[in-house]
C-alpha atoms as a PDB file:
ATOM      1  CA  MET A   1     -98.620 264.944  95.374  1.00  0.00           C
ATOM      2  CA  LYS A   2    -101.143 266.291  97.874  1.00  0.00           C
ATOM      3  CA  ASN A   3    -103.498 263.966  99.413  1.00  0.00           C
ATOM      4  CA  LYS A   4    -101.575 260.846  98.198  1.00  0.00           C
ATOM      5  CA  HIS A   5    -101.469 258.163 100.943  1.00  0.00           C
ATOM      6  CA  ILE A   6     -98.261 256.409 101.091  1.00  0.00           C
ATOM      7  CA  ASN A   7     -96.681 254.139 103.706  1.00  0.00           C
ATOM      8  CA  GLU A   8    -100.134 253.213 105.372  1.00  0.00           C
ATOM      9  CA  LYS A   9    -100.747 250.087 107.517  1.00  0.00           C
ATOM     10  CA  ASP A  10    -104.655 248.756 107.877  1.00  0.00           C
ATOM     11  CA  ALA A  11    -106.473 248.195 110.936  1.00  0.00           C
ATOM     12  CA  GLN A  12    -104.438 245.054 111.407  1.00  0.00           C
ATOM     13  CA  GLY A  13    -101.046 246.797 111.181  1.00  0.00           C
ATOM     14  CA  LEU A  14    -100.214 245.272 107.700  1.00  0.00           C
ATOM     15  CA  ARG A  15     -98.752 247.771 104.802  1.00  0.00           C
ATOM     16  CA  THR A  16    -101.165 248.500 102.382  1.00  0.00           C
ATOM     17  CA  GLY A  17    -101.250 250.658  99.343  1.00  0.00           C
ATOM     18  CA  VAL A  18     -98.023 252.639  97.972  1.00  0.00           C
ATOM     19  CA  TRP A  19     -94.721 252.446 100.118  1.00  0.00           C
ATOM     20  CA  VAL A  20     -91.927 254.677  99.134  1.00  0.00           C
ATOM     21  CA  GLY A  21     -88.434 255.023 100.521  1.00  0.00           C
ATOM     22  CA  TYR A  22     -85.709 257.625 100.074  1.00  0.00           C
ATOM     23  CA  HIS A  23     -82.123 257.947  99.466  1.00  0.00           C
ATOM     24  CA  GLY A  24     -80.141 260.330 101.657  1.00  0.00           C
ATOM     25  CA  ASN A  25     -80.063 262.886  98.946  1.00  0.00           C
ATOM     26  CA  GLY A  26     -84.004 263.095  98.811  1.00  0.00           C
ATOM     27  CA  ASN A  27     -84.213 260.939  95.500  1.00  0.00           C
ATOM     28  CA  ILE A  28     -86.815 258.100  95.810  1.00  0.00           C
ATOM     29  CA  ALA A  29     -84.934 254.711  96.264  1.00  0.00           C
ATOM     30  CA  CYS A  30     -88.240 252.207  96.256  1.00  0.00           C
ATOM     31  CA  GLN A  31     -91.779 252.201  95.473  1.00  0.00           C
ATOM     32  CA  ASP A  32     -93.944 248.975  96.367  1.00  0.00           C
ATOM     33  CA  THR A  33     -97.658 248.059  96.290  1.00  0.00           C
ATOM     34  CA  TYR A  34     -98.878 246.044  99.201  1.00  0.00           C
ATOM     35  CA  LYS A  35    -102.263 244.626  99.726  1.00  0.00           C
ATOM     36  CA  GLU A  36    -103.031 242.820 103.119  1.00  0.00           C
ATOM     37  CA  GLY A  37     -99.067 242.943 103.662  1.00  0.00           C
ATOM     38  CA  VAL A  38     -98.328 241.098 100.704  1.00  0.00           C
ATOM     39  CA  LEU A  39     -96.699 242.633  97.463  1.00  0.00           C
ATOM     40  CA  ASN A  40     -99.416 243.307  94.773  1.00  0.00           C
ATOM     41  CA  GLY A  41     -98.659 245.289  92.031  1.00  0.00           C
ATOM     42  CA  LEU A  42     -95.621 247.151  90.593  1.00  0.00           C
ATOM     43  CA  SER A  43     -92.247 247.083  92.674  1.00  0.00           C
ATOM     44  CA  ARG A  44     -89.661 249.334  91.360  1.00  0.00           C
ATOM     45  CA  ILE A  45     -85.715 250.474  92.728  1.00  0.00           C
ATOM     46  CA  TRP A  46     -84.122 253.841  91.662  1.00  0.00           C
ATOM     47  CA  THR A  47     -80.451 254.416  91.796  1.00  0.00           C
ATOM     48  CA  ASN A  48     -79.400 257.432  93.852  1.00  0.00           C
ATOM     49  CA  HIS A  49     -79.091 259.181  91.046  1.00  0.00           C
ATOM     50  CA  GLY A  50     -82.712 258.731  89.843  1.00  0.00           C
ATOM     51  CA  LYS A  51     -82.388 256.175  87.504  1.00  0.00           C
ATOM     52  CA  ILE A  52     -84.698 253.182  87.555  1.00  0.00           C
ATOM     53  CA  SER A  53     -82.488 250.157  88.099  1.00  0.00           C
ATOM     54  CA  TRP A  54     -85.263 247.194  88.826  1.00  0.00           C
ATOM     55  CA  SER A  55     -88.975 246.578  88.196  1.00  0.00           C
ATOM     56  CA  GLU A  56     -91.085 243.604  88.976  1.00  0.00           C
ATOM     57  CA  ASN A  57     -94.581 243.138  89.210  1.00  0.00           C
ATOM     58  CA  PHE A  58     -96.387 241.078  91.841  1.00  0.00           C
ATOM     59  CA  VAL A  59     -99.551 239.326  91.800  1.00  0.00           C
ATOM     60  CA  MET A  60    -100.549 238.669  95.690  1.00  0.00           C
ATOM     61  CA  GLY A  61     -96.802 238.086  96.948  1.00  0.00           C
ATOM     62  CA  VAL A  62     -95.741 235.703  93.607  1.00  0.00           C
ATOM     63  CA  ASN A  63     -93.685 237.455  90.701  1.00  0.00           C
ATOM     64  CA  GLU A  64     -95.725 237.671  87.848  1.00  0.00           C
ATOM     65  CA  GLY A  65     -93.964 238.506  84.035  1.00  0.00           C
ATOM     66  CA  GLU A  66     -90.838 239.705  83.368  1.00  0.00           C
ATOM     67  CA  VAL A  67     -87.833 240.890  85.920  1.00  0.00           C
ATOM     68  CA  ILE A  68     -86.461 244.040  84.186  1.00  0.00           C
ATOM     69  CA  GLY A  69     -82.878 245.102  85.764  1.00  0.00           C
ATOM     70  CA  ILE A  70     -80.356 247.648  84.856  1.00  0.00           C
ATOM     71  CA  GLU A  71     -78.951 245.914  81.879  1.00  0.00           C
ATOM     72  CA  ASN A  72     -82.139 245.663  80.493  1.00  0.00           C
ATOM     73  CA  LEU A  73     -83.385 249.046  80.398  1.00  0.00           C
END
């Protein structure tokens, strides 16, 4: 995705926006959204084969709603 900002920090050095990590094979491993250095939004984890294994939503660091693990997908 061209022009998509990921893994950025704000002027105070705190995580902001979407942060993405990758498995050694290049597949996405995790994606989290931050605001002022705190989880704020969807947080997801994928297996190294590309299947979502975990999903939860945060509002300023507090889990909101259902945590969905691989057994529930």
